[in-house]
Amino acid sequence: MATKQFVIATAILCSFTAQAADSKYLDYSAPLEERIEDALSRMTLEEKVKMVHAQSKFSSAGVPRLGIPELWCIDGPHGIRPEVLWDEWNSAEWTNDSCTAFPALSCLAATWRPELAREYGRALGEEARYRRKDILLGPGVNMMRTPLNGRSFEYMGEDPFLTSTMVVPYIQGVQSNNVAACVKHFALNNNEDNRYT
């Protein structure tokens, strides 16, 4: 099931970027489910396995022979993360990866303004697309249960109604730039002790 879900996401992203109509590539004019089945039938087991795990900290392999590109993710529910090294969390120390530091999601949610959430998401999507990212790892929707959680600021609060009201337009804004949003931390990320030790 995980392979199929990942190929679905890939097929959607490929439909935005595919340029070749050559028969060796997938038929991007076909309905989505047909594209998924076509991709799965053409992929080897090794290609499927490569697509469902990382090839670096923030990317997974594509299938070049089918015109499926690598997928590049970026962390940042409230600001696009600076680039990190291929297989480490250390900064890549690029000089062209500056980004906007948006207010934390708890601040965004406190506005109760879905139209602002859409613009917030749109701006994040623009920056992600500028950096050639396909998937934004955010927004964070875990319910805040304790102020002692070091990541509570990444979430939209402790009210599920408010979170659902704000998260949908945020995602729509991100995706208006052909960048997929990956909702994260659905639950159980409520407390941390000694995170870096």
C-alpha atoms as a PDB file:
ATOM      1  CA  MET A   1       0.000   0.000   0.000  1.00  0.00           C
ATOM      2  CA  ALA A   2       2.812   2.419   0.816  1.00  0.00           C
ATOM      3  CA  THR A   3       4.309   1.936  -2.646  1.00  0.00           C
ATOM      4  CA  LYS A   4       0.984   2.703  -4.311  1.00  0.00           C
ATOM      5  CA  GLN A   5       0.457   5.828  -2.210  1.00  0.00           C
ATOM      6  CA  PHE A   6       3.948   7.054  -3.007  1.00  0.00           C
ATOM      7  CA  VAL A   7       3.483   6.404  -6.712  1.00  0.00           C
ATOM      8  CA  ILE A   8       0.178   8.301  -6.564  1.00  0.00           C
ATOM      9  CA  ALA A   9       2.006  11.341  -5.194  1.00  0.00           C
ATOM     10  CA  THR A  10       4.742  10.917  -7.782  1.00  0.00           C
ATOM     11  CA  ALA A  11       2.259  10.599 -10.626  1.00  0.00           C
ATOM     12  CA  ILE A  12       0.518  13.782  -9.519  1.00  0.00           C
ATOM     13  CA  LEU A  13       3.801  15.661  -9.332  1.00  0.00           C
ATOM     14  CA  CYS A  14       4.930  14.228 -12.654  1.00  0.00           C
ATOM     15  CA  SER A  15       1.749  15.432 -14.291  1.00  0.00           C
ATOM     16  CA  PHE A  16       2.900  18.963 -13.465  1.00  0.00           C
ATOM     17  CA  THR A  17       6.401  18.533 -14.808  1.00  0.00           C
ATOM     18  CA  ALA A  18       6.248  15.982 -17.633  1.00  0.00           C
ATOM     19  CA  GLN A  19       7.087  17.341 -21.048  1.00  0.00           C
ATOM     20  CA  ALA A  20       7.616  14.223 -23.135  1.00  0.00           C
ATOM     21  CA  ALA A  21       4.730  12.478 -24.875  1.00  0.00           C
ATOM     22  CA  ASP A  22       7.049   9.683 -26.000  1.00  0.00           C
ATOM     23  CA  SER A  23       5.535   6.216 -25.474  1.00  0.00           C
ATOM     24  CA  LYS A  24       8.447   5.179 -23.259  1.00  0.00           C
ATOM     25  CA  TYR A  25       7.139   7.641 -20.671  1.00  0.00           C
ATOM     26  CA  LEU A  26       3.870   7.498 -18.807  1.00  0.00           C
ATOM     27  CA  ASP A  27       0.729   8.780 -20.547  1.00  0.00           C
ATOM     28  CA  TYR A  28       0.008  12.000 -18.657  1.00  0.00           C
ATOM     29  CA  SER A  29      -3.297  12.575 -20.447  1.00  0.00           C
ATOM     30  CA  ALA A  30      -4.813   9.418 -18.929  1.00  0.00           C
ATOM     31  CA  PRO A  31      -6.916   9.555 -15.739  1.00  0.00           C
ATOM     32  CA  LEU A  32      -4.859   9.477 -12.535  1.00  0.00           C
ATOM     33  CA  GLU A  33      -5.755   5.908 -11.497  1.00  0.00           C
ATOM     34  CA  GLU A  34      -4.743   4.627 -14.952  1.00  0.00           C
ATOM     35  CA  ARG A  35      -1.424   6.490 -14.702  1.00  0.00           C
ATOM     36  CA  ILE A  36      -0.780   4.905 -11.318  1.00  0.00           C
ATOM     37  CA  GLU A  37      -1.531   1.397 -12.565  1.00  0.00           C
ATOM     38  CA  ASP A  38       0.550   2.030 -15.690  1.00  0.00           C
ATOM     39  CA  ALA A  39       3.494   3.222 -13.588  1.00  0.00           C
ATOM     40  CA  LEU A  40       3.260   0.265 -11.219  1.00  0.00           C
ATOM     41  CA  SER A  41       3.079  -2.232 -14.077  1.00  0.00           C
ATOM     42  CA  ARG A  42       6.207  -0.795 -15.714  1.00  0.00           C
ATOM     43  CA  MET A  43       8.321  -0.450 -12.566  1.00  0.00           C
ATOM     44  CA  THR A  44      10.678  -3.133 -11.358  1.00  0.00           C
ATOM     45  CA  LEU A  45      10.639  -4.208  -7.724  1.00  0.00           C
ATOM     46  CA  GLU A  46      13.978  -2.432  -7.235  1.00  0.00           C
ATOM     47  CA  GLU A  47      12.533   0.826  -8.619  1.00  0.00           C
ATOM     48  CA  LYS A  48       9.505   0.581  -6.332  1.00  0.00           C
ATOM     49  CA  VAL A  49      11.727  -0.004  -3.303  1.00  0.00           C
ATOM     50  CA  LYS A  50      13.937   2.967  -4.209  1.00  0.00           C
ATOM     51  CA  MET A  51      10.886   5.232  -4.370  1.00  0.00           C
ATOM     52  CA  VAL A  52       9.644   4.388  -0.879  1.00  0.00           C
ATOM     53  CA  HIS A  53      12.803   5.196   1.041  1.00  0.00           C
ATOM     54  CA  ALA A  54      15.150   8.116   1.077  1.00  0.00           C
ATOM     55  CA  GLN A  55      18.201   8.461  -1.105  1.00  0.00           C
ATOM     56  CA  SER A  56      19.302  11.455   0.969  1.00  0.00           C
ATOM     57  CA  LYS A  57      18.002  13.436   3.934  1.00  0.00           C
ATOM     58  CA  PHE A  58      15.281  15.065   1.856  1.00  0.00           C
ATOM     59  CA  SER A  59      14.908  13.196  -1.442  1.00  0.00           C
ATOM     60  CA  SER A  60      13.797   9.920  -2.903  1.00  0.00           C
ATOM     61  CA  ALA A  61      14.739   8.376  -6.204  1.00  0.00           C
ATOM     62  CA  GLY A  62      12.684   8.741  -9.332  1.00  0.00           C
ATOM     63  CA  VAL A  63      12.461   6.401 -12.306  1.00  0.00           C
ATOM     64  CA  PRO A  64      14.214   8.274 -15.125  1.00  0.00           C
ATOM     65  CA  ARG A  65      13.395   5.683 -17.768  1.00  0.00           C
ATOM     66  CA  LEU A  66       9.672   6.386 -17.202  1.00  0.00           C
ATOM     67  CA  GLY A  67      10.072  10.134 -16.877  1.00  0.00           C
ATOM     68  CA  ILE A  68       9.412  10.064 -13.115  1.00  0.00           C
ATOM     69  CA  PRO A  69      11.740  12.615 -11.487  1.00  0.00           C
ATOM     70  CA  GLU A  70      13.360  12.457  -8.070  1.00  0.00           C
ATOM     71  CA  LEU A  71      11.160  13.915  -5.360  1.00  0.00           C
ATOM     72  CA  TRP A  72      12.682  16.631  -3.227  1.00  0.00           C
ATOM     73  CA  CYS A  73      11.199  17.514   0.144  1.00  0.00           C
ATOM     74  CA  ILE A  74      11.850  20.469   2.373  1.00  0.00           C
ATOM     75  CA  ASP A  75      11.122  20.854   6.039  1.00  0.00           C
ATOM     76  CA  GLY A  76       9.426  23.975   7.219  1.00  0.00           C
ATOM     77  CA  PRO A  77       5.884  24.299   8.389  1.00  0.00           C
ATOM     78  CA  HIS A  78       6.583  28.022   8.966  1.00  0.00           C
ATOM     79  CA  GLY A  79       9.627  28.739   6.821  1.00  0.00           C
ATOM     80  CA  ILE A  80      11.608  26.814   4.237  1.00  0.00           C
ATOM     81  CA  ARG A  81      14.609  25.145   5.920  1.00  0.00           C
ATOM     82  CA  PRO A  82      18.087  26.098   4.729  1.00  0.00           C
ATOM     83  CA  GLU A  83      19.740  23.305   2.743  1.00  0.00           C
ATOM     84  CA  VAL A  84      21.439  20.526   4.677  1.00  0.00           C
ATOM     85  CA  LEU A  85      24.161  18.146   3.545  1.00  0.00           C
ATOM     86  CA  TRP A  86      23.151  15.098   1.490  1.00  0.00           C
ATOM     87  CA  ASP A  87      23.209  12.630   4.380  1.00  0.00           C
ATOM     88  CA  GLU A  88      23.696  14.783   7.492  1.00  0.00           C
ATOM     89  CA  TRP A  89      21.685  17.374   9.413  1.00  0.00           C
ATOM     90  CA  ASN A  90      24.548  19.867   9.219  1.00  0.00           C
ATOM     91  CA  SER A  91      24.041  22.993   7.155  1.00  0.00           C
ATOM     92  CA  ALA A  92      25.196  22.849   3.557  1.00  0.00           C
ATOM     93  CA  GLU A  93      26.276  26.489   4.039  1.00  0.00           C
ATOM     94  CA  TRP A  94      24.849  27.653   0.745  1.00  0.00           C
ATOM     95  CA  THR A  95      24.707  31.374   0.115  1.00  0.00           C
ATOM     96  CA  ASN A  96      21.508  31.296  -1.972  1.00  0.00           C
ATOM     97  CA  ASP A  97      19.105  29.457   0.338  1.00  0.00           C
ATOM     98  CA  SER A  98      17.753  32.348   2.374  1.00  0.00           C
ATOM     99  CA  CYS A  99      14.090  32.176   3.286  1.00  0.00           C
ATOM    100  CA  THR A 100      11.347  34.047   5.077  1.00  0.00           C
ATOM    101  CA  ALA A 101      10.883  33.209   8.764  1.00  0.00           C
ATOM    102  CA  PHE A 102       7.108  33.280   9.097  1.00  0.00           C
ATOM    103  CA  PRO A 103       5.339  33.533  12.449  1.00  0.00           C
ATOM    104  CA  ALA A 104       4.909  30.158  14.138  1.00  0.00           C
ATOM    105  CA  LEU A 105       1.783  28.183  13.272  1.00  0.00           C
ATOM    106  CA  SER A 106       0.353  28.803  16.731  1.00  0.00           C
ATOM    107  CA  CYS A 107       0.436  32.537  15.885  1.00  0.00           C
ATOM    108  CA  LEU A 108      -1.185  31.947  12.513  1.00  0.00           C
ATOM    109  CA  ALA A 109      -3.983  29.920  14.097  1.00  0.00           C
ATOM    110  CA  ALA A 110      -4.572  32.608  16.719  1.00  0.00           C
ATOM    111  CA  THR A 111      -5.743  34.958  13.953  1.00  0.00           C
ATOM    112  CA  TRP A 112      -8.771  32.734  13.152  1.00  0.00           C
ATOM    113  CA  ARG A 113      -8.409  34.011   9.565  1.00  0.00           C
ATOM    114  CA  PRO A 114      -8.543  31.189   6.974  1.00  0.00           C
ATOM    115  CA  GLU A 115      -7.804  33.653   4.171  1.00  0.00           C
ATOM    116  CA  LEU A 116      -4.546  34.554   5.924  1.00  0.00           C
ATOM    117  CA  ALA A 117      -3.713  30.843   6.263  1.00  0.00           C
ATOM    118  CA  ARG A 118      -4.176  30.475   2.495  1.00  0.00           C
ATOM    119  CA  GLU A 119      -1.794  33.381   1.789  1.00  0.00           C
ATOM    120  CA  TYR A 120       0.691  32.015   4.337  1.00  0.00           C
ATOM    121  CA  GLY A 121       0.626  28.635   2.567  1.00  0.00           C
ATOM    122  CA  ARG A 122       0.868  30.254  -0.850  1.00  0.00           C
ATOM    123  CA  ALA A 123       3.979  32.183   0.169  1.00  0.00           C
ATOM    124  CA  LEU A 124       5.583  29.016   1.584  1.00  0.00           C
ATOM    125  CA  GLY A 125       4.730  27.159  -1.619  1.00  0.00           C
ATOM    126  CA  GLU A 126       6.315  29.908  -3.708  1.00  0.00           C
ATOM    127  CA  GLU A 127       9.552  29.690  -1.749  1.00  0.00           C
ATOM    128  CA  ALA A 128       9.556  25.891  -1.927  1.00  0.00           C
ATOM    129  CA  ARG A 129       8.963  25.952  -5.681  1.00  0.00           C
ATOM    130  CA  TYR A 130      11.696  28.582  -6.127  1.00  0.00           C
ATOM    131  CA  ARG A 131      14.069  26.180  -4.345  1.00  0.00           C
ATOM    132  CA  ARG A 132      12.868  23.359  -6.652  1.00  0.00           C
ATOM    133  CA  LYS A 133      11.177  21.386  -3.892  1.00  0.00           C
ATOM    134  CA  ASP A 134       8.260  19.074  -4.635  1.00  0.00           C
ATOM    135  CA  ILE A 135       6.926  18.424  -1.135  1.00  0.00           C
ATOM    136  CA  LEU A 136       6.708  20.692   1.909  1.00  0.00           C
ATOM    137  CA  LEU A 137       6.920  18.748   5.180  1.00  0.00           C
ATOM    138  CA  GLY A 138       4.152  20.627   6.895  1.00  0.00           C
ATOM    139  CA  PRO A 139       1.837  21.839   8.249  1.00  0.00           C
ATOM    140  CA  GLY A 140       2.014  20.398  11.740  1.00  0.00           C
ATOM    141  CA  VAL A 141      -1.388  19.486  13.153  1.00  0.00           C
ATOM    142  CA  ASN A 142      -0.623  17.671  16.408  1.00  0.00           C
ATOM    143  CA  MET A 143      -2.823  19.003  19.218  1.00  0.00           C
ATOM    144  CA  MET A 144      -0.865  20.911  21.860  1.00  0.00           C
ATOM    145  CA  ARG A 145      -1.263  19.080  25.149  1.00  0.00           C
ATOM    146  CA  THR A 146       1.492  20.630  27.213  1.00  0.00           C
ATOM    147  CA  PRO A 147       3.451  23.876  26.952  1.00  0.00           C
ATOM    148  CA  LEU A 148       6.542  21.855  27.875  1.00  0.00           C
ATOM    149  CA  ASN A 149       6.719  20.268  24.427  1.00  0.00           C
ATOM    150  CA  GLY A 150       9.573  21.962  22.621  1.00  0.00           C
ATOM    151  CA  ARG A 151       7.686  21.751  19.318  1.00  0.00           C
ATOM    152  CA  SER A 152       4.277  23.068  20.379  1.00  0.00           C
ATOM    153  CA  PHE A 153       4.890  26.298  18.476  1.00  0.00           C
ATOM    154  CA  GLU A 154       4.884  24.222  15.263  1.00  0.00           C
ATOM    155  CA  TYR A 155       1.239  23.287  15.749  1.00  0.00           C
ATOM    156  CA  MET A 156      -1.967  25.275  15.420  1.00  0.00           C
ATOM    157  CA  GLY A 157      -3.071  24.966  19.017  1.00  0.00           C
ATOM    158  CA  GLU A 158      -5.124  22.689  21.209  1.00  0.00           C
ATOM    159  CA  ASP A 159      -8.467  23.130  19.463  1.00  0.00           C
ATOM    160  CA  PRO A 160      -9.156  20.583  16.691  1.00  0.00           C
ATOM    161  CA  PHE A 161     -11.888  22.782  15.180  1.00  0.00           C
ATOM    162  CA  LEU A 162      -9.525  25.750  14.876  1.00  0.00           C
ATOM    163  CA  THR A 163      -6.756  23.567  13.475  1.00  0.00           C
ATOM    164  CA  SER A 164      -9.028  22.048  10.834  1.00  0.00           C
ATOM    165  CA  THR A 165     -10.378  25.499   9.928  1.00  0.00           C
ATOM    166  CA  MET A 166      -6.869  26.879   9.373  1.00  0.00           C
ATOM    167  CA  VAL A 167      -5.025  23.871   7.949  1.00  0.00           C
ATOM    168  CA  VAL A 168      -7.178  23.340   4.852  1.00  0.00           C
ATOM    169  CA  PRO A 169      -6.579  26.795   3.312  1.00  0.00           C
ATOM    170  CA  TYR A 170      -2.888  26.583   4.324  1.00  0.00           C
ATOM    171  CA  ILE A 171      -2.561  23.354   2.323  1.00  0.00           C
ATOM    172  CA  GLN A 172      -4.506  24.792  -0.609  1.00  0.00           C
ATOM    173  CA  GLY A 173      -2.148  27.770  -0.639  1.00  0.00           C
ATOM    174  CA  VAL A 174       0.964  25.561  -0.660  1.00  0.00           C
ATOM    175  CA  GLN A 175      -0.459  23.337  -3.379  1.00  0.00           C
ATOM    176  CA  SER A 176      -1.409  26.306  -5.578  1.00  0.00           C
ATOM    177  CA  ASN A 177       2.317  26.370  -6.439  1.00  0.00           C
ATOM    178  CA  ASN A 178       2.428  22.700  -7.521  1.00  0.00           C
ATOM    179  CA  VAL A 179       4.107  21.782  -4.243  1.00  0.00           C
ATOM    180  CA  ALA A 180       2.550  18.958  -2.229  1.00  0.00           C
ATOM    181  CA  ALA A 181       1.894  19.540   1.456  1.00  0.00           C
ATOM    182  CA  CYS A 182       2.703  16.661   3.808  1.00  0.00           C
ATOM    183  CA  VAL A 183       0.721  17.014   7.037  1.00  0.00           C
ATOM    184  CA  LYS A 184       2.850  15.768   9.882  1.00  0.00           C
ATOM    185  CA  HIS A 185       2.784  14.901  13.543  1.00  0.00           C
ATOM    186  CA  PHE A 186      -0.857  13.841  13.551  1.00  0.00           C
ATOM    187  CA  ALA A 187      -0.661  12.761  17.175  1.00  0.00           C
ATOM    188  CA  LEU A 188       1.551  11.703  20.067  1.00  0.00           C
ATOM    189  CA  ASN A 189       4.313  14.260  19.614  1.00  0.00           C
ATOM    190  CA  ASN A 190       3.267  15.945  22.844  1.00  0.00           C
ATOM    191  CA  ASN A 191       6.350  15.994  25.025  1.00  0.00           C
ATOM    192  CA  GLU A 192      10.109  15.666  24.692  1.00  0.00           C
ATOM    193  CA  ASP A 193      12.939  15.380  27.141  1.00  0.00           C
ATOM    194  CA  ASN A 194      16.593  15.962  26.302  1.00  0.00           C
ATOM    195  CA  ARG A 195      15.937  15.953  22.572  1.00  0.00           C
ATOM    196  CA  TYR A 196      19.538  16.489  21.541  1.00  0.00           C
ATOM    197  CA  THR A 197      21.159  14.283  24.150  1.00  0.00           C
END
